[in-house]
Protein backbone atom coordinates (compact mmCIF):
# COMPACT_ATOMS: atom_id res chain seq x y z
CA MET A 1 -74.50 -17.62 -2.22
CA PHE A 2 -72.22 -18.46 0.70
CA LYS A 3 -69.21 -16.90 -1.08
CA LEU A 4 -71.19 -13.72 -1.67
CA ILE A 5 -72.02 -13.43 2.03
CA LEU A 6 -68.35 -13.97 2.94
CA TRP A 7 -67.27 -11.25 0.47
CA ILE A 8 -69.83 -8.81 1.87
CA ILE A 9 -68.62 -9.49 5.43
CA PHE A 10 -65.00 -9.06 4.31
CA LEU A 11 -65.77 -5.75 2.58
CA LEU A 12 -67.68 -4.49 5.61
CA LEU A 13 -64.67 -5.28 7.79
CA VAL A 14 -62.38 -3.38 5.39
CA VAL A 15 -64.75 -0.39 5.39
CA PHE A 16 -64.92 -0.54 9.19
CA PHE A 17 -61.10 -0.57 9.34
CA VAL A 18 -60.78 2.37 6.94
CA VAL A 19 -63.41 4.50 8.71
CA PHE A 20 -61.67 4.13 12.06
CA ASN A 21 -58.20 4.76 10.63
CA VAL A 22 -58.84 7.85 8.52
CA GLU A 23 -57.81 10.34 11.19
CA PRO A 24 -54.26 9.24 11.85
CA LYS A 25 -52.28 10.90 9.09
CA VAL A 26 -48.73 9.80 8.44
CA THR A 27 -45.78 10.93 6.37
CA VAL A 28 -44.35 8.34 4.01
CA HIS A 29 -40.67 8.79 3.12
CA LEU A 30 -40.10 7.16 -0.27
CA LEU A 31 -36.54 8.33 -0.91
CA PRO A 32 -34.23 10.75 0.84
CA GLY A 33 -35.80 14.14 0.15
CA VAL A 34 -39.03 12.65 -1.24
CA ALA A 35 -41.90 12.40 1.20
CA LEU A 36 -45.67 12.17 0.97
CA GLU A 37 -47.33 14.05 3.80
CA ASN A 38 -50.76 13.66 5.41
CA ILE A 39 -51.55 10.23 3.95
CA PRO A 40 -54.25 8.31 5.87
CA LEU A 41 -52.81 5.37 7.77
CA ALA A 42 -55.44 2.98 6.38
CA LEU A 43 -54.43 3.87 2.83
CA VAL A 44 -50.77 3.16 3.60
CA ILE A 45 -51.62 -0.20 5.17
CA ILE A 46 -53.93 -1.28 2.32
CA LEU A 47 -51.46 -0.18 -0.38
CA SER A 48 -48.64 -1.99 1.39
CA PHE A 49 -50.74 -5.15 1.51
CA VAL A 50 -51.69 -4.91 -2.18
CA LEU A 51 -48.10 -4.24 -3.28
CA GLY A 52 -46.85 -7.17 -1.21
CA LEU A 53 -49.54 -9.40 -2.68
CA LEU A 54 -48.61 -8.38 -6.24
CA PHE A 55 -44.91 -8.94 -5.54
CA GLY A 56 -45.60 -12.37 -4.06
CA ILE A 57 -47.79 -13.42 -6.99
CA SER A 58 -45.24 -12.24 -9.55
CA PHE A 59 -42.42 -14.07 -7.74
CA SER A 60 -44.52 -17.21 -7.59
CA LEU A 61 -45.35 -17.02 -11.31
CA VAL A 62 -41.66 -16.64 -12.19
CA GLN A 63 -40.81 -19.71 -10.11
CA MET A 64 -43.58 -21.75 -11.76
CA LEU A 65 -42.41 -20.71 -15.22
CA LYS A 66 -38.81 -21.64 -14.41
CA ARG A 67 -39.94 -25.03 -13.15
CA SER A 68 -42.02 -25.73 -16.24
CA LEU A 69 -39.17 -24.69 -18.56
CA ARG A 70 -36.68 -26.79 -16.62
CA LYS A 71 -38.61 -30.00 -17.26
CA SER A 72 -36.62 -32.33 -19.40
CA PRO A 73 -38.01 -34.55 -22.13
CA GLN A 74 -37.49 -37.50 -19.78
CA ASP A 75 -40.16 -36.08 -17.47
CA GLU A 76 -42.79 -36.23 -20.19
CA PRO A 77 -44.86 -39.39 -20.35
CA LYS A 78 -43.49 -41.80 -22.91
CA GLN A 79 -45.75 -42.98 -25.65
CA ASP A 80 -46.17 -46.72 -25.78
CA LYS A 81 -44.42 -48.26 -28.74
CA PRO A 82 -46.45 -50.83 -30.60
CA LYS A 83 -45.50 -54.25 -29.40
CA GLN A 84 -44.08 -56.58 -31.99
CA ASP A 85 -45.60 -60.02 -32.00
CA LYS A 86 -43.11 -62.72 -31.16
CA PRO A 87 -43.15 -65.68 -33.48
CA ASN A 88 -45.09 -68.56 -32.04
CA ILE A 89 -42.50 -71.29 -31.61
CA SER A 90 -43.79 -74.47 -30.15
CA THR A 91 -41.36 -76.95 -28.65
CA PRO A 92 -42.05 -80.69 -28.99
């Protein structure tokens, strides 16, 4: 229930941010000669955040995969070999 309340508050803050940043329109230059005009500033900020988040997650996943593939067989836990009983030699 607490998580739900936090998500609702977070979404209300995002809506509040978007409502107050709809008016400023910006031009986004993607490449020389390629531009998107009259894009709301809030949309640019949110898309930049989402793209950065996706890039960061993908980079992190690649690093975790490399680390798991780099593990050598020595890193794996060794299975205990059955112990051989030593002969019982009694000394007089």
